[in-house]
Amino acid sequence: MEPVFQQQAAQIAQYTQNPIWYQNFYRVRKKVLTVGNKYWIEDANGNILGFSKQKLFKLKEDIRIYTDETMQEELFRIQQTQIIDVWGKFAVIDSKTNAILGYVRRNFLKSTFAPDEWEVYDVNENLIGHIKEETGRGLMRKYMPGGALIPEKMTMYLHGQPVAEIEQQFKIIGDIWELRCLNIPPYLDRRVLLAGLILMAMIERRHK
């Protein structure tokens, strides 16, 4: 069987066994703490699907997502493949099988001077998509006084076509992001997109 068809077969099998990661709406909530931050992943009905607590002062990012705050059962992890953060590519890994689901990478040059942009790769590290911030909003957030208070809004493109939206809800304390999948193949594991969202929430704040 050709690698691409093997990949699709594995994704379809995951879709059958674990459908919570193939829905079309997710919400990520952040709670600001004295030391570190907590993040919850919810479905459209507010049910908790995952939990993560940010570790501070890490040389190499290793983000773990658990079923709940007890952190007894790990669902998936986001591991940086390189030491240098700004160029880092992050692998999204299923914790039960250790299978790589895909990769996300921050486009450092564009995100530093222009609106934020992340790249999405498949399991074979082929570039398949981008997550891009709206140009006008992104430039205002970077260069306008008080721009950091403007909520982020990003679009995911898969093979050049818009397939999902990420929108930040305005809050003074904490943050809420909503992920809406509009036209994504049903077998594509949403944890890859959620990993990109969580990385934006955790990592991007250090560069702003």
C-alpha atoms as a PDB file:
ATOM      1  CA  MET A   1       0.000   0.000   0.000  1.00  0.00           C
ATOM      2  CA  GLU A   2       1.312   3.480  -0.890  1.00  0.00           C
ATOM      3  CA  PRO A   3       2.338   5.671   2.110  1.00  0.00           C
ATOM      4  CA  VAL A   4      -0.385   8.256   1.484  1.00  0.00           C
ATOM      5  CA  PHE A   5      -3.082   5.570   1.483  1.00  0.00           C
ATOM      6  CA  GLN A   6      -1.591   3.967   4.596  1.00  0.00           C
ATOM      7  CA  GLN A   7      -1.765   7.358   6.281  1.00  0.00           C
ATOM      8  CA  GLN A   8      -5.403   7.853   5.292  1.00  0.00           C
ATOM      9  CA  ALA A   9      -6.297   4.311   6.422  1.00  0.00           C
ATOM     10  CA  ALA A  10      -4.693   4.958   9.824  1.00  0.00           C
ATOM     11  CA  GLN A  11      -6.556   8.274  10.136  1.00  0.00           C
ATOM     12  CA  ILE A  12      -9.880   6.639   9.279  1.00  0.00           C
ATOM     13  CA  ALA A  13      -9.220   3.931  11.897  1.00  0.00           C
ATOM     14  CA  GLN A  14      -8.533   6.638  14.515  1.00  0.00           C
ATOM     15  CA  TYR A  15     -11.717   8.441  13.439  1.00  0.00           C
ATOM     16  CA  THR A  16     -13.728   5.274  14.090  1.00  0.00           C
ATOM     17  CA  GLN A  17     -12.110   4.540  17.465  1.00  0.00           C
ATOM     18  CA  ASN A  18     -11.857   8.043  18.945  1.00  0.00           C
ATOM     19  CA  PRO A  19     -14.432  10.392  17.395  1.00  0.00           C
ATOM     20  CA  ILE A  20     -13.978  13.239  19.903  1.00  0.00           C
ATOM     21  CA  TRP A  21     -10.978  14.492  17.887  1.00  0.00           C
ATOM     22  CA  TYR A  22     -12.983  14.692  14.652  1.00  0.00           C
ATOM     23  CA  GLN A  23     -15.636  17.219  15.630  1.00  0.00           C
ATOM     24  CA  ASN A  24     -16.095  20.579  13.945  1.00  0.00           C
ATOM     25  CA  PHE A  25     -16.043  22.900  16.956  1.00  0.00           C
ATOM     26  CA  TYR A  26     -13.656  23.216  19.911  1.00  0.00           C
ATOM     27  CA  ARG A  27     -13.062  25.838  22.559  1.00  0.00           C
ATOM     28  CA  VAL A  28      -9.805  26.393  24.445  1.00  0.00           C
ATOM     29  CA  ARG A  29     -10.018  28.274  27.733  1.00  0.00           C
ATOM     30  CA  LYS A  30      -7.005  29.707  29.536  1.00  0.00           C
ATOM     31  CA  LYS A  31      -6.892  30.546  33.230  1.00  0.00           C
ATOM     32  CA  VAL A  32      -4.077  32.791  34.406  1.00  0.00           C
ATOM     33  CA  LEU A  33      -2.338  31.615  37.568  1.00  0.00           C
ATOM     34  CA  THR A  34       0.368  33.041  39.792  1.00  0.00           C
ATOM     35  CA  VAL A  35       2.802  30.443  38.453  1.00  0.00           C
ATOM     36  CA  GLY A  36       2.060  29.012  35.033  1.00  0.00           C
ATOM     37  CA  ASN A  37      -1.237  28.874  33.132  1.00  0.00           C
ATOM     38  CA  LYS A  38      -3.951  26.240  32.797  1.00  0.00           C
ATOM     39  CA  TYR A  39      -5.791  25.361  29.583  1.00  0.00           C
ATOM     40  CA  TRP A  40      -8.987  23.400  29.029  1.00  0.00           C
ATOM     41  CA  ILE A  41     -10.224  21.984  25.707  1.00  0.00           C
ATOM     42  CA  GLU A  42     -14.027  21.855  25.426  1.00  0.00           C
ATOM     43  CA  ASP A  43     -16.527  20.682  22.851  1.00  0.00           C
ATOM     44  CA  ALA A  44     -19.519  22.695  21.602  1.00  0.00           C
ATOM     45  CA  ASN A  45     -21.557  21.678  24.679  1.00  0.00           C
ATOM     46  CA  GLY A  46     -18.886  22.746  27.151  1.00  0.00           C
ATOM     47  CA  ASN A  47     -17.769  19.199  27.967  1.00  0.00           C
ATOM     48  CA  ILE A  48     -14.091  18.981  28.999  1.00  0.00           C
ATOM     49  CA  LEU A  49     -12.081  16.998  26.454  1.00  0.00           C
ATOM     50  CA  GLY A  50      -8.566  17.836  27.605  1.00  0.00           C
ATOM     51  CA  PHE A  51      -6.460  19.756  30.107  1.00  0.00           C
ATOM     52  CA  SER A  52      -2.911  21.132  30.061  1.00  0.00           C
ATOM     53  CA  LYS A  53      -0.772  23.051  32.531  1.00  0.00           C
ATOM     54  CA  GLN A  54       2.015  25.167  31.091  1.00  0.00           C
ATOM     55  CA  LYS A  55       5.506  24.456  32.400  1.00  0.00           C
ATOM     56  CA  LEU A  56       7.729  27.483  32.757  1.00  0.00           C
ATOM     57  CA  PHE A  57      11.373  27.959  31.835  1.00  0.00           C
ATOM     58  CA  LYS A  58      11.597  25.008  29.432  1.00  0.00           C
ATOM     59  CA  LEU A  59      14.547  24.933  27.023  1.00  0.00           C
ATOM     60  CA  LYS A  60      12.652  22.566  24.753  1.00  0.00           C
ATOM     61  CA  GLU A  61       8.851  22.579  24.702  1.00  0.00           C
ATOM     62  CA  ASP A  62       7.067  19.376  25.743  1.00  0.00           C
ATOM     63  CA  ILE A  63       3.370  20.107  26.206  1.00  0.00           C
ATOM     64  CA  ARG A  64       1.162  17.349  27.596  1.00  0.00           C
ATOM     65  CA  ILE A  65      -2.633  17.216  27.279  1.00  0.00           C
ATOM     66  CA  TYR A  66      -4.508  15.080  29.805  1.00  0.00           C
ATOM     67  CA  THR A  67      -8.118  14.030  30.292  1.00  0.00           C
ATOM     68  CA  ASP A  68      -8.531  16.297  33.348  1.00  0.00           C
ATOM     69  CA  GLU A  69      -6.756  18.242  36.083  1.00  0.00           C
ATOM     70  CA  THR A  70      -5.596  15.102  37.888  1.00  0.00           C
ATOM     71  CA  MET A  71      -3.160  14.642  34.972  1.00  0.00           C
ATOM     72  CA  GLN A  72      -3.318  10.867  35.394  1.00  0.00           C
ATOM     73  CA  GLU A  73      -4.220   9.954  31.813  1.00  0.00           C
ATOM     74  CA  GLU A  74      -2.336  11.566  28.940  1.00  0.00           C
ATOM     75  CA  LEU A  75      -4.170  12.019  25.625  1.00  0.00           C
ATOM     76  CA  PHE A  76      -1.591  13.598  23.349  1.00  0.00           C
ATOM     77  CA  ARG A  77       1.550  15.684  23.492  1.00  0.00           C
ATOM     78  CA  ILE A  78       3.220  18.449  21.521  1.00  0.00           C
ATOM     79  CA  GLN A  79       6.983  18.046  21.375  1.00  0.00           C
ATOM     80  CA  GLN A  80       9.474  20.467  19.910  1.00  0.00           C
ATOM     81  CA  THR A  81      11.856  18.778  17.485  1.00  0.00           C
ATOM     82  CA  GLN A  82      14.559  21.460  17.699  1.00  0.00           C
ATOM     83  CA  ILE A  83      16.144  23.324  20.598  1.00  0.00           C
ATOM     84  CA  ILE A  84      15.898  26.795  19.016  1.00  0.00           C
ATOM     85  CA  ASP A  85      12.351  27.859  19.748  1.00  0.00           C
ATOM     86  CA  VAL A  86      11.802  30.434  17.009  1.00  0.00           C
ATOM     87  CA  TRP A  87      12.611  27.916  14.254  1.00  0.00           C
ATOM     88  CA  GLY A  88      11.075  24.955  16.076  1.00  0.00           C
ATOM     89  CA  LYS A  89       8.871  22.382  14.422  1.00  0.00           C
ATOM     90  CA  PHE A  90       6.483  20.666  16.827  1.00  0.00           C
ATOM     91  CA  ALA A  91       5.364  17.050  16.515  1.00  0.00           C
ATOM     92  CA  VAL A  92       1.804  16.196  17.587  1.00  0.00           C
ATOM     93  CA  ILE A  93       1.844  12.695  19.061  1.00  0.00           C
ATOM     94  CA  ASP A  94      -0.923  10.363  20.227  1.00  0.00           C
ATOM     95  CA  SER A  95       0.111   9.301  23.741  1.00  0.00           C
ATOM     96  CA  LYS A  96      -1.510   5.847  23.656  1.00  0.00           C
ATOM     97  CA  THR A  97       0.148   4.664  20.443  1.00  0.00           C
ATOM     98  CA  ASN A  98       3.093   7.117  20.172  1.00  0.00           C
ATOM     99  CA  ALA A  99       1.976   7.672  16.573  1.00  0.00           C
ATOM    100  CA  ILE A 100       2.800  11.072  15.069  1.00  0.00           C
ATOM    101  CA  LEU A 101      -0.385  12.797  13.899  1.00  0.00           C
ATOM    102  CA  GLY A 102       1.307  15.713  12.128  1.00  0.00           C
ATOM    103  CA  TYR A 103       3.537  18.720  12.718  1.00  0.00           C
ATOM    104  CA  VAL A 104       3.098  22.463  13.172  1.00  0.00           C
ATOM    105  CA  ARG A 105       5.782  25.119  12.760  1.00  0.00           C
ATOM    106  CA  ARG A 106       5.846  28.855  13.435  1.00  0.00           C
ATOM    107  CA  ASN A 107       6.867  30.914  10.404  1.00  0.00           C
ATOM    108  CA  PHE A 108       9.299  33.031  12.400  1.00  0.00           C
ATOM    109  CA  LEU A 109      10.233  35.628   9.779  1.00  0.00           C
ATOM    110  CA  LYS A 110       6.661  36.425   8.799  1.00  0.00           C
ATOM    111  CA  SER A 111       5.323  36.285  12.361  1.00  0.00           C
ATOM    112  CA  THR A 112       7.992  38.681  13.643  1.00  0.00           C
ATOM    113  CA  PHE A 113       7.274  41.596  11.290  1.00  0.00           C
ATOM    114  CA  ALA A 114       3.947  40.717   9.655  1.00  0.00           C
ATOM    115  CA  PRO A 115       0.715  39.030  10.823  1.00  0.00           C
ATOM    116  CA  ASP A 116       1.258  35.696  12.555  1.00  0.00           C
ATOM    117  CA  GLU A 117       1.545  32.547  10.452  1.00  0.00           C
ATOM    118  CA  TRP A 118       1.992  28.869  11.255  1.00  0.00           C
ATOM    119  CA  GLU A 119       2.623  25.949   8.901  1.00  0.00           C
ATOM    120  CA  VAL A 120       0.908  22.543   9.076  1.00  0.00           C
ATOM    121  CA  TYR A 121       2.624  19.315   7.985  1.00  0.00           C
ATOM    122  CA  ASP A 122       1.374  15.748   7.583  1.00  0.00           C
ATOM    123  CA  VAL A 123       2.946  12.712   9.247  1.00  0.00           C
ATOM    124  CA  ASN A 124       5.550  12.485   6.474  1.00  0.00           C
ATOM    125  CA  GLU A 125       6.527  16.148   7.082  1.00  0.00           C
ATOM    126  CA  ASN A 126       4.981  17.331   3.830  1.00  0.00           C
ATOM    127  CA  LEU A 127       3.668  20.904   4.018  1.00  0.00           C
ATOM    128  CA  ILE A 128      -0.115  20.697   3.595  1.00  0.00           C
ATOM    129  CA  GLY A 129      -1.460  23.928   5.057  1.00  0.00           C
ATOM    130  CA  HIS A 130      -1.071  27.271   6.800  1.00  0.00           C
ATOM    131  CA  ILE A 131      -2.743  29.068   9.689  1.00  0.00           C
ATOM    132  CA  LYS A 132      -2.698  32.783   8.891  1.00  0.00           C
ATOM    133  CA  GLU A 133      -3.804  35.849  10.805  1.00  0.00           C
ATOM    134  CA  GLU A 134      -5.951  38.481   9.102  1.00  0.00           C
ATOM    135  CA  THR A 135      -3.553  41.078   7.668  1.00  0.00           C
ATOM    136  CA  GLY A 136      -5.181  44.293   8.915  1.00  0.00           C
ATOM    137  CA  ARG A 137      -5.982  42.968  12.360  1.00  0.00           C
ATOM    138  CA  GLY A 138      -2.529  41.406  12.686  1.00  0.00           C
ATOM    139  CA  LEU A 139      -0.706  44.625  11.823  1.00  0.00           C
ATOM    140  CA  MET A 140      -2.855  46.635  14.245  1.00  0.00           C
ATOM    141  CA  ARG A 141      -2.146  44.144  17.023  1.00  0.00           C
ATOM    142  CA  LYS A 142       1.611  44.440  16.419  1.00  0.00           C
ATOM    143  CA  TYR A 143       2.072  48.139  15.771  1.00  0.00           C
ATOM    144  CA  MET A 144      -0.910  50.108  17.106  1.00  0.00           C
ATOM    145  CA  PRO A 145      -0.750  51.351  20.734  1.00  0.00           C
ATOM    146  CA  GLY A 146      -2.833  48.979  22.816  1.00  0.00           C
ATOM    147  CA  GLY A 147      -2.994  46.588  19.885  1.00  0.00           C
ATOM    148  CA  ALA A 148      -2.259  43.581  22.081  1.00  0.00           C
ATOM    149  CA  LEU A 149      -5.847  43.870  23.355  1.00  0.00           C
ATOM    150  CA  ILE A 150      -7.271  43.215  19.881  1.00  0.00           C
ATOM    151  CA  PRO A 151      -8.499  39.590  19.686  1.00  0.00           C
ATOM    152  CA  GLU A 152      -6.760  37.350  17.188  1.00  0.00           C
ATOM    153  CA  LYS A 153      -8.577  35.902  14.184  1.00  0.00           C
ATOM    154  CA  MET A 154      -6.862  33.327  11.982  1.00  0.00           C
ATOM    155  CA  THR A 155      -7.815  31.125   9.049  1.00  0.00           C
ATOM    156  CA  MET A 156      -6.461  27.682   8.279  1.00  0.00           C
ATOM    157  CA  TYR A 157      -5.783  26.829   4.644  1.00  0.00           C
ATOM    158  CA  LEU A 158      -5.413  23.214   3.542  1.00  0.00           C
ATOM    159  CA  HIS A 159      -3.846  22.806   0.103  1.00  0.00           C
ATOM    160  CA  GLY A 160      -4.638  26.485  -0.509  1.00  0.00           C
ATOM    161  CA  GLN A 161      -8.325  26.316   0.460  1.00  0.00           C
ATOM    162  CA  PRO A 162      -9.798  27.907   3.638  1.00  0.00           C
ATOM    163  CA  VAL A 163     -11.055  25.079   5.854  1.00  0.00           C
ATOM    164  CA  ALA A 164     -11.151  26.373   9.461  1.00  0.00           C
ATOM    165  CA  GLU A 165     -11.256  29.528  11.574  1.00  0.00           C
ATOM    166  CA  ILE A 166      -9.653  30.324  14.921  1.00  0.00           C
ATOM    167  CA  GLU A 167     -11.124  33.288  16.764  1.00  0.00           C
ATOM    168  CA  GLN A 168     -10.092  34.709  20.126  1.00  0.00           C
ATOM    169  CA  GLN A 169     -12.811  36.051  22.390  1.00  0.00           C
ATOM    170  CA  PHE A 170     -11.996  39.307  24.187  1.00  0.00           C
ATOM    171  CA  LYS A 171     -11.319  38.955  27.934  1.00  0.00           C
ATOM    172  CA  ILE A 172      -9.323  41.148  30.302  1.00  0.00           C
ATOM    173  CA  ILE A 173      -8.172  38.179  32.394  1.00  0.00           C
ATOM    174  CA  GLY A 174      -7.581  34.804  30.757  1.00  0.00           C
ATOM    175  CA  ASP A 175      -8.340  33.921  27.161  1.00  0.00           C
ATOM    176  CA  ILE A 176     -10.840  31.949  25.107  1.00  0.00           C
ATOM    177  CA  TRP A 177     -10.201  30.677  21.587  1.00  0.00           C
ATOM    178  CA  GLU A 178     -12.776  28.971  19.378  1.00  0.00           C
ATOM    179  CA  LEU A 179     -11.908  26.618  16.522  1.00  0.00           C
ATOM    180  CA  ARG A 180     -14.522  26.140  13.812  1.00  0.00           C
ATOM    181  CA  CYS A 181     -13.863  23.530  11.134  1.00  0.00           C
ATOM    182  CA  LEU A 182     -15.713  24.493   7.975  1.00  0.00           C
ATOM    183  CA  ASN A 183     -14.492  22.165   5.246  1.00  0.00           C
ATOM    184  CA  ILE A 184     -11.895  19.777   6.668  1.00  0.00           C
ATOM    185  CA  PRO A 185     -11.706  16.121   5.558  1.00  0.00           C
ATOM    186  CA  PRO A 186     -13.639  14.189   8.233  1.00  0.00           C
ATOM    187  CA  TYR A 187     -10.725  11.826   8.879  1.00  0.00           C
ATOM    188  CA  LEU A 188      -8.208  14.626   9.638  1.00  0.00           C
ATOM    189  CA  ASP A 189      -7.333  14.486  13.340  1.00  0.00           C
ATOM    190  CA  ARG A 190      -8.258  17.855  14.861  1.00  0.00           C
ATOM    191  CA  ARG A 191      -5.514  17.498  17.482  1.00  0.00           C
ATOM    192  CA  VAL A 192      -3.066  18.834  14.908  1.00  0.00           C
ATOM    193  CA  LEU A 193      -5.103  22.045  14.654  1.00  0.00           C
ATOM    194  CA  LEU A 194      -5.629  22.184  18.411  1.00  0.00           C
ATOM    195  CA  ALA A 195      -1.867  21.827  18.858  1.00  0.00           C
ATOM    196  CA  GLY A 196      -1.367  24.887  16.664  1.00  0.00           C
ATOM    197  CA  LEU A 197      -3.943  26.810  18.702  1.00  0.00           C
ATOM    198  CA  ILE A 198      -2.377  25.772  22.036  1.00  0.00           C
ATOM    199  CA  LEU A 199       1.086  26.706  20.780  1.00  0.00           C
ATOM    200  CA  MET A 200      -0.191  30.135  19.764  1.00  0.00           C
ATOM    201  CA  ALA A 201      -1.675  30.544  23.226  1.00  0.00           C
ATOM    202  CA  MET A 202       1.437  29.362  25.089  1.00  0.00           C
ATOM    203  CA  ILE A 203       4.380  30.230  22.856  1.00  0.00           C
ATOM    204  CA  GLU A 204       3.326  33.294  20.877  1.00  0.00           C
ATOM    205  CA  ARG A 205       2.745  35.322  24.049  1.00  0.00           C
ATOM    206  CA  ARG A 206       6.490  35.127  24.749  1.00  0.00           C
ATOM    207  CA  HIS A 207       7.287  36.890  21.462  1.00  0.00           C
ATOM    208  CA  LYS A 208       4.817  39.754  21.937  1.00  0.00           C
END
